Amino acid sequence: MKSNNTRKNNLMKREYDFSKAIRGKFYRKGAELHLPIYLDAKVQAKLERLARKNGKELGEMVNQLVQKEMELIEKLT
């Protein structure tokens, strides 16, 4: 048997009651999802400096970098 302290630290219950749930309550057809991207602190700081130097937003800089990387990968495969 688990101790009370261990039980409190569990994030999941053993069982959930979905009997009153509504299917698709938050579904939105055609909704665009924007994935959060988490960068290493040093990488982010360097990209922020480069973006400022080039007069661009950080998101624009990251998108350009990822696009060029994908183009390079496609050429190599």
PDB file of N, CA and C in Angstrom:
ATOM      1  N   MET A   1       0.836  -1.192   0.000  1.00  0.00           N
ATOM      2  CA  MET A   1       0.000   0.000   0.000  1.00  0.00           C
ATOM      3  C   MET A   1       0.879   1.253   0.000  1.00  0.00           C
ATOM      4  N   LYS A   2       0.497   2.240  -0.799  1.00  0.00           N
ATOM      5  CA  LYS A   2       1.269   3.478  -0.893  1.00  0.00           C
ATOM      6  C   LYS A   2       1.004   4.360   0.328  1.00  0.00           C
ATOM      7  N   SER A   3       2.015   5.106   0.710  1.00  0.00           N
ATOM      8  CA  SER A   3       1.822   6.044   1.812  1.00  0.00           C
ATOM      9  C   SER A   3       1.010   7.234   1.313  1.00  0.00           C
ATOM     10  N   ASN A   4       0.424   7.969   2.249  1.00  0.00           N
ATOM     11  CA  ASN A   4      -0.362   9.150   1.882  1.00  0.00           C
ATOM     12  C   ASN A   4       0.478  10.186   1.160  1.00  0.00           C
ATOM     13  N   ASN A   5       1.741  10.329   1.568  1.00  0.00           N
ATOM     14  CA  ASN A   5       2.633  11.298   0.943  1.00  0.00           C
ATOM     15  C   ASN A   5       2.864  10.953  -0.524  1.00  0.00           C
ATOM     16  N   THR A   6       3.095   9.679  -0.843  1.00  0.00           N
ATOM     17  CA  THR A   6       3.299   9.251  -2.223  1.00  0.00           C
ATOM     18  C   THR A   6       2.021   9.459  -3.019  1.00  0.00           C
ATOM     19  N   ARG A   7       0.889   9.154  -2.423  1.00  0.00           N
ATOM     20  CA  ARG A   7      -0.413   9.296  -3.090  1.00  0.00           C
ATOM     21  C   ARG A   7      -0.666  10.758  -3.473  1.00  0.00           C
ATOM     22  N   LYS A   8      -0.291  11.707  -2.617  1.00  0.00           N
ATOM     23  CA  LYS A   8      -0.501  13.132  -2.892  1.00  0.00           C
ATOM     24  C   LYS A   8       0.345  13.596  -4.069  1.00  0.00           C
ATOM     25  N   ASN A   9       1.494  12.962  -4.263  1.00  0.00           N
ATOM     26  CA  ASN A   9       2.384  13.361  -5.345  1.00  0.00           C
ATOM     27  C   ASN A   9       1.954  12.817  -6.696  1.00  0.00           C
ATOM     28  N   ASN A  10       1.042  11.854  -6.725  1.00  0.00           N
ATOM     29  CA  ASN A  10       0.547  11.309  -7.991  1.00  0.00           C
ATOM     30  C   ASN A  10      -0.278  12.362  -8.722  1.00  0.00           C
ATOM     31  N   LEU A  11      -0.041  12.514 -10.003  1.00  0.00           N
ATOM     32  CA  LEU A  11      -0.796  13.482 -10.789  1.00  0.00           C
ATOM     33  C   LEU A  11      -2.076  12.870 -11.348  1.00  0.00           C
ATOM     34  N   MET A  12      -2.090  11.568 -11.502  1.00  0.00           N
ATOM     35  CA  MET A  12      -3.239  10.890 -12.097  1.00  0.00           C
ATOM     36  C   MET A  12      -4.035  10.143 -11.025  1.00  0.00           C
ATOM     37  N   LYS A  13      -5.349  10.204 -11.147  1.00  0.00           N
ATOM     38  CA  LYS A  13      -6.209   9.398 -10.292  1.00  0.00           C
ATOM     39  C   LYS A  13      -6.231   7.984 -10.854  1.00  0.00           C
ATOM     40  N   ARG A  14      -6.622   7.044 -10.036  1.00  0.00           N
ATOM     41  CA  ARG A  14      -6.741   5.660 -10.521  1.00  0.00           C
ATOM     42  C   ARG A  14      -7.857   5.552 -11.547  1.00  0.00           C
ATOM     43  N   GLU A  15      -8.906   6.347 -11.378  1.00  0.00           N
ATOM     44  CA  GLU A  15     -10.075   6.246 -12.250  1.00  0.00           C
ATOM     45  C   GLU A  15     -10.705   7.628 -12.431  1.00  0.00           C
ATOM     46  N   TYR A  16     -11.230   7.885 -13.608  1.00  0.00           N
ATOM     47  CA  TYR A  16     -11.922   9.142 -13.906  1.00  0.00           C
ATOM     48  C   TYR A  16     -13.331   8.832 -14.365  1.00  0.00           C
ATOM     49  N   ASP A  17     -14.279   9.692 -14.006  1.00  0.00           N
ATOM     50  CA  ASP A  17     -15.676   9.507 -14.397  1.00  0.00           C
ATOM     51  C   ASP A  17     -15.963  10.417 -15.591  1.00  0.00           C
ATOM     52  N   PHE A  18     -16.140   9.812 -16.776  1.00  0.00           N
ATOM     53  CA  PHE A  18     -16.445  10.568 -17.985  1.00  0.00           C
ATOM     54  C   PHE A  18     -17.920  10.464 -18.363  1.00  0.00           C
ATOM     55  N   SER A  19     -18.741  10.018 -17.445  1.00  0.00           N
ATOM     56  CA  SER A  19     -20.154   9.793 -17.763  1.00  0.00           C
ATOM     57  C   SER A  19     -20.885  11.090 -18.133  1.00  0.00           C
ATOM     58  N   LYS A  20     -20.406  12.226 -17.656  1.00  0.00           N
ATOM     59  CA  LYS A  20     -21.061  13.506 -17.964  1.00  0.00           C
ATOM     60  C   LYS A  20     -20.244  14.338 -18.962  1.00  0.00           C
ATOM     61  N   ALA A  21     -19.271  13.710 -19.570  1.00  0.00           N
ATOM     62  CA  ALA A  21     -18.412  14.414 -20.533  1.00  0.00           C
ATOM     63  C   ALA A  21     -19.172  14.697 -21.823  1.00  0.00           C
ATOM     64  N   ILE A  22     -18.734  15.719 -22.521  1.00  0.00           N
ATOM     65  CA  ILE A  22     -19.333  16.087 -23.802  1.00  0.00           C
ATOM     66  C   ILE A  22     -18.275  15.880 -24.877  1.00  0.00           C
ATOM     67  N   ARG A  23     -18.541  14.953 -25.808  1.00  0.00           N
ATOM     68  CA  ARG A  23     -17.594  14.656 -26.871  1.00  0.00           C
ATOM     69  C   ARG A  23     -17.443  15.867 -27.797  1.00  0.00           C
ATOM     70  N   GLY A  24     -16.195  16.241 -28.070  1.00  0.00           N
ATOM     71  CA  GLY A  24     -15.921  17.324 -29.006  1.00  0.00           C
ATOM     72  C   GLY A  24     -16.184  18.716 -28.466  1.00  0.00           C
ATOM     73  N   LYS A  25     -16.300  18.867 -27.167  1.00  0.00           N
ATOM     74  CA  LYS A  25     -16.630  20.162 -26.573  1.00  0.00           C
ATOM     75  C   LYS A  25     -15.666  21.273 -27.009  1.00  0.00           C
ATOM     76  N   PHE A  26     -14.406  20.952 -27.147  1.00  0.00           N
ATOM     77  CA  PHE A  26     -13.409  21.964 -27.508  1.00  0.00           C
ATOM     78  C   PHE A  26     -12.903  21.819 -28.936  1.00  0.00           C
ATOM     79  N   TYR A  27     -13.484  20.920 -29.702  1.00  0.00           N
ATOM     80  CA  TYR A  27     -13.080  20.705 -31.093  1.00  0.00           C
ATOM     81  C   TYR A  27     -13.548  21.874 -31.948  1.00  0.00           C
ATOM     82  N   ARG A  28     -12.647  22.399 -32.752  1.00  0.00           N
ATOM     83  CA  ARG A  28     -12.981  23.477 -33.696  1.00  0.00           C
ATOM     84  C   ARG A  28     -12.447  23.069 -35.055  1.00  0.00           C
ATOM     85  N   LYS A  29     -13.354  22.757 -35.978  1.00  0.00           N
ATOM     86  CA  LYS A  29     -12.946  22.336 -37.311  1.00  0.00           C
ATOM     87  C   LYS A  29     -12.137  23.446 -37.975  1.00  0.00           C
ATOM     88  N   GLY A  30     -11.002  23.075 -38.549  1.00  0.00           N
ATOM     89  CA  GLY A  30     -10.171  24.037 -39.267  1.00  0.00           C
ATOM     90  C   GLY A  30      -9.312  24.910 -38.375  1.00  0.00           C
ATOM     91  N   ALA A  31      -9.331  24.665 -37.073  1.00  0.00           N
ATOM     92  CA  ALA A  31      -8.527  25.481 -36.170  1.00  0.00           C
ATOM     93  C   ALA A  31      -7.041  25.232 -36.433  1.00  0.00           C
ATOM     94  N   GLU A  32      -6.254  26.292 -36.414  1.00  0.00           N
ATOM     95  CA  GLU A  32      -4.814  26.176 -36.603  1.00  0.00           C
ATOM     96  C   GLU A  32      -4.151  26.047 -35.239  1.00  0.00           C
ATOM     97  N   LEU A  33      -3.242  25.105 -35.140  1.00  0.00           N
ATOM     98  CA  LEU A  33      -2.498  24.928 -33.906  1.00  0.00           C
ATOM     99  C   LEU A  33      -1.113  25.541 -34.070  1.00  0.00           C
ATOM    100  N   HIS A  34      -0.709  26.308 -33.097  1.00  0.00           N
ATOM    101  CA  HIS A  34       0.632  26.892 -33.097  1.00  0.00           C
ATOM    102  C   HIS A  34       1.411  26.219 -31.979  1.00  0.00           C
ATOM    103  N   LEU A  35       2.369  25.393 -32.379  1.00  0.00           N
ATOM    104  CA  LEU A  35       3.133  24.631 -31.408  1.00  0.00           C
ATOM    105  C   LEU A  35       4.112  25.518 -30.658  1.00  0.00           C
ATOM    106  N   PRO A  36       4.144  25.375 -29.347  1.00  0.00           N
ATOM    107  CA  PRO A  36       5.168  26.119 -28.601  1.00  0.00           C
ATOM    108  C   PRO A  36       6.517  25.445 -28.813  1.00  0.00           C
ATOM    109  N   ILE A  37       7.517  26.231 -29.061  1.00  0.00           N
ATOM    110  CA  ILE A  37       8.862  25.715 -29.269  1.00  0.00           C
ATOM    111  C   ILE A  37       9.728  26.243 -28.124  1.00  0.00           C
ATOM    112  N   TYR A  38      10.383  25.342 -27.418  1.00  0.00           N
ATOM    113  CA  TYR A  38      11.226  25.744 -26.300  1.00  0.00           C
ATOM    114  C   TYR A  38      12.683  25.562 -26.691  1.00  0.00           C
ATOM    115  N   LEU A  39      13.409  26.658 -26.694  1.00  0.00           N
ATOM    116  CA  LEU A  39      14.821  26.644 -27.077  1.00  0.00           C
ATOM    117  C   LEU A  39      15.706  26.621 -25.838  1.00  0.00           C
ATOM    118  N   ASP A  40      16.880  26.045 -25.988  1.00  0.00           N
ATOM    119  CA  ASP A  40      17.895  26.119 -24.954  1.00  0.00           C
ATOM    120  C   ASP A  40      18.177  27.607 -24.698  1.00  0.00           C
ATOM    121  N   ALA A  41      18.414  27.979 -23.465  1.00  0.00           N
ATOM    122  CA  ALA A  41      18.592  29.385 -23.106  1.00  0.00           C
ATOM    123  C   ALA A  41      19.703  30.062 -23.910  1.00  0.00           C
ATOM    124  N   LYS A  42      20.813  29.370 -24.118  1.00  0.00           N
ATOM    125  CA  LYS A  42      21.933  29.953 -24.865  1.00  0.00           C
ATOM    126  C   LYS A  42      21.573  30.128 -26.339  1.00  0.00           C
ATOM    127  N   VAL A  43      20.873  29.152 -26.896  1.00  0.00           N
ATOM    128  CA  VAL A  43      20.448  29.228 -28.302  1.00  0.00           C
ATOM    129  C   VAL A  43      19.476  30.385 -28.467  1.00  0.00           C
ATOM    130  N   GLN A  44      18.523  30.509 -27.549  1.00  0.00           N
ATOM    131  CA  GLN A  44      17.548  31.592 -27.632  1.00  0.00           C
ATOM    132  C   GLN A  44      18.219  32.954 -27.541  1.00  0.00           C
ATOM    133  N   ALA A  45      19.155  33.093 -26.617  1.00  0.00           N
ATOM    134  CA  ALA A  45      19.843  34.376 -26.463  1.00  0.00           C
ATOM    135  C   ALA A  45      20.601  34.749 -27.735  1.00  0.00           C
ATOM    136  N   LYS A  46      21.258  33.778 -28.333  1.00  0.00           N
ATOM    137  CA  LYS A  46      22.012  34.048 -29.564  1.00  0.00           C
ATOM    138  C   LYS A  46      21.068  34.415 -30.700  1.00  0.00           C
ATOM    139  N   LEU A  47      19.952  33.679 -30.831  1.00  0.00           N
ATOM    140  CA  LEU A  47      18.978  33.992 -31.882  1.00  0.00           C
ATOM    141  C   LEU A  47      18.358  35.374 -31.667  1.00  0.00           C
ATOM    142  N   GLU A  48      18.110  35.738 -30.422  1.00  0.00           N
ATOM    143  CA  GLU A  48      17.561  37.068 -30.132  1.00  0.00           C
ATOM    144  C   GLU A  48      18.536  38.159 -30.564  1.00  0.00           C
ATOM    145  N   ARG A  49      19.829  37.942 -30.288  1.00  0.00           N
ATOM    146  CA  ARG A  49      20.841  38.923 -30.719  1.00  0.00           C
ATOM    147  C   ARG A  49      20.889  39.030 -32.233  1.00  0.00           C
ATOM    148  N   LEU A  50      20.869  37.875 -32.908  1.00  0.00           N
ATOM    149  CA  LEU A  50      20.894  37.879 -34.376  1.00  0.00           C
ATOM    150  C   LEU A  50      19.647  38.558 -34.947  1.00  0.00           C
ATOM    151  N   ALA A  51      18.508  38.291 -34.341  1.00  0.00           N
ATOM    152  CA  ALA A  51      17.260  38.897 -34.820  1.00  0.00           C
ATOM    153  C   ALA A  51      17.321  40.420 -34.677  1.00  0.00           C
ATOM    154  N   ARG A  52      17.754  40.887 -33.513  1.00  0.00           N
ATOM    155  CA  ARG A  52      17.876  42.340 -33.307  1.00  0.00           C
ATOM    156  C   ARG A  52      18.838  42.952 -34.307  1.00  0.00           C
ATOM    157  N   LYS A  53      19.969  42.297 -34.512  1.00  0.00           N
ATOM    158  CA  LYS A  53      20.988  42.787 -35.438  1.00  0.00           C
ATOM    159  C   LYS A  53      20.431  42.917 -36.857  1.00  0.00           C
ATOM    160  N   ASN A  54      19.538  41.987 -37.220  1.00  0.00           N
ATOM    161  CA  ASN A  54      18.957  41.991 -38.565  1.00  0.00           C
ATOM    162  C   ASN A  54      17.598  42.673 -38.629  1.00  0.00           C
ATOM    163  N   GLY A  55      17.164  43.279 -37.534  1.00  0.00           N
ATOM    164  CA  GLY A  55      15.892  43.998 -37.507  1.00  0.00           C
ATOM    165  C   GLY A  55      14.685  43.089 -37.707  1.00  0.00           C
ATOM    166  N   LYS A  56      14.744  41.878 -37.159  1.00  0.00           N
ATOM    167  CA  LYS A  56      13.653  40.917 -37.316  1.00  0.00           C
ATOM    168  C   LYS A  56      13.128  40.480 -35.960  1.00  0.00           C
ATOM    169  N   GLU A  57      11.917  39.955 -35.963  1.00  0.00           N
ATOM    170  CA  GLU A  57      11.352  39.354 -34.762  1.00  0.00           C
ATOM    171  C   GLU A  57      11.981  37.989 -34.561  1.00  0.00           C
ATOM    172  N   LEU A  58      12.022  37.529 -33.326  1.00  0.00           N
ATOM    173  CA  LEU A  58      12.610  36.226 -33.020  1.00  0.00           C
ATOM    174  C   LEU A  58      11.890  35.106 -33.769  1.00  0.00           C
ATOM    175  N   GLY A  59      10.563  35.133 -33.786  1.00  0.00           N
ATOM    176  CA  GLY A  59       9.796  34.097 -34.478  1.00  0.00           C
ATOM    177  C   GLY A  59      10.128  34.023 -35.960  1.00  0.00           C
ATOM    178  N   GLU A  60      10.295  35.182 -36.589  1.00  0.00           N
ATOM    179  CA  GLU A  60      10.652  35.230 -38.002  1.00  0.00           C
ATOM    180  C   GLU A  60      12.030  34.613 -38.222  1.00  0.00           C
ATOM    181  N   MET A  61      12.958  34.931 -37.322  1.00  0.00           N
ATOM    182  CA  MET A  61      14.315  34.406 -37.424  1.00  0.00           C
ATOM    183  C   MET A  61      14.310  32.886 -37.284  1.00  0.00           C
ATOM    184  N   VAL A  62      13.572  32.371 -36.320  1.00  0.00           N
ATOM    185  CA  VAL A  62      13.496  30.926 -36.101  1.00  0.00           C
ATOM    186  C   VAL A  62      12.848  30.252 -37.307  1.00  0.00           C
ATOM    187  N   ASN A  63      11.787  30.827 -37.841  1.00  0.00           N
ATOM    188  CA  ASN A  63      11.117  30.245 -39.015  1.00  0.00           C
ATOM    189  C   ASN A  63      12.060  30.175 -40.213  1.00  0.00           C
ATOM    190  N   GLN A  64      12.822  31.233 -40.446  1.00  0.00           N
ATOM    191  CA  GLN A  64      13.774  31.226 -41.560  1.00  0.00           C
ATOM    192  C   GLN A  64      14.844  30.163 -41.357  1.00  0.00           C
ATOM    193  N   LEU A  65      15.337  30.043 -40.142  1.00  0.00           N
ATOM    194  CA  LEU A  65      16.358  29.055 -39.829  1.00  0.00           C
ATOM    195  C   LEU A  65      15.835  27.632 -40.047  1.00  0.00           C
ATOM    196  N   VAL A  66      14.649  27.361 -39.560  1.00  0.00           N
ATOM    197  CA  VAL A  66      14.062  26.031 -39.715  1.00  0.00           C
ATOM    198  C   VAL A  66      13.782  25.746 -41.185  1.00  0.00           C
ATOM    199  N   GLN A  67      13.282  26.734 -41.929  1.00  0.00           N
ATOM    200  CA  GLN A  67      13.001  26.553 -43.359  1.00  0.00           C
ATOM    201  C   GLN A  67      14.278  26.196 -44.120  1.00  0.00           C
ATOM    202  N   LYS A  68      15.363  26.924 -43.857  1.00  0.00           N
ATOM    203  CA  LYS A  68      16.631  26.638 -44.538  1.00  0.00           C
ATOM    204  C   LYS A  68      17.152  25.256 -44.158  1.00  0.00           C
ATOM    205  N   GLU A  69      16.994  24.871 -42.924  1.00  0.00           N
ATOM    206  CA  GLU A  69      17.435  23.549 -42.477  1.00  0.00           C
ATOM    207  C   GLU A  69      16.629  22.450 -43.175  1.00  0.00           C
ATOM    208  N   MET A  70      15.323  22.656 -43.315  1.00  0.00           N
ATOM    209  CA  MET A  70      14.483  21.671 -44.010  1.00  0.00           C
ATOM    210  C   MET A  70      14.875  21.570 -45.479  1.00  0.00           C
ATOM    211  N   GLU A  71      15.162  22.690 -46.135  1.00  0.00           N
ATOM    212  CA  GLU A  71      15.594  22.677 -47.531  1.00  0.00           C
ATOM    213  C   GLU A  71      16.906  21.901 -47.676  1.00  0.00           C
ATOM    214  N   LEU A  72      17.829  22.114 -46.751  1.00  0.00           N
ATOM    215  CA  LEU A  72      19.112  21.403 -46.778  1.00  0.00           C
ATOM    216  C   LEU A  72      18.901  19.896 -46.598  1.00  0.00           C
ATOM    217  N   ILE A  73      18.065  19.529 -45.668  1.00  0.00           N
ATOM    218  CA  ILE A  73      17.775  18.100 -45.436  1.00  0.00           C
ATOM    219  C   ILE A  73      17.153  17.475 -46.666  1.00  0.00           C
ATOM    220  N   GLU A  74      16.219  18.194 -47.303  1.00  0.00           N
ATOM    221  CA  GLU A  74      15.573  17.659 -48.512  1.00  0.00           C
ATOM    222  C   GLU A  74      16.588  17.451 -49.640  1.00  0.00           C
ATOM    223  N   LYS A  75      17.540  18.364 -49.779  1.00  0.00           N
ATOM    224  CA  LYS A  75      18.562  18.228 -50.804  1.00  0.00           C
ATOM    225  C   LYS A  75      19.473  17.033 -50.542  1.00  0.00           C
ATOM    226  N   LEU A  76      19.716  16.740 -49.294  1.00  0.00           N
ATOM    227  CA  LEU A  76      20.633  15.669 -48.927  1.00  0.00           C
ATOM    228  C   LEU A  76      19.982  14.299 -48.896  1.00  0.00           C
ATOM    229  N   THR A  77      18.670  14.266 -48.943  1.00  0.00           N
ATOM    230  CA  THR A  77      17.998  12.951 -48.869  1.00  0.00           C
ATOM    231  C   THR A  77      17.394  12.568 -50.203  1.00  0.00           C
TER     232      THR A  77
END
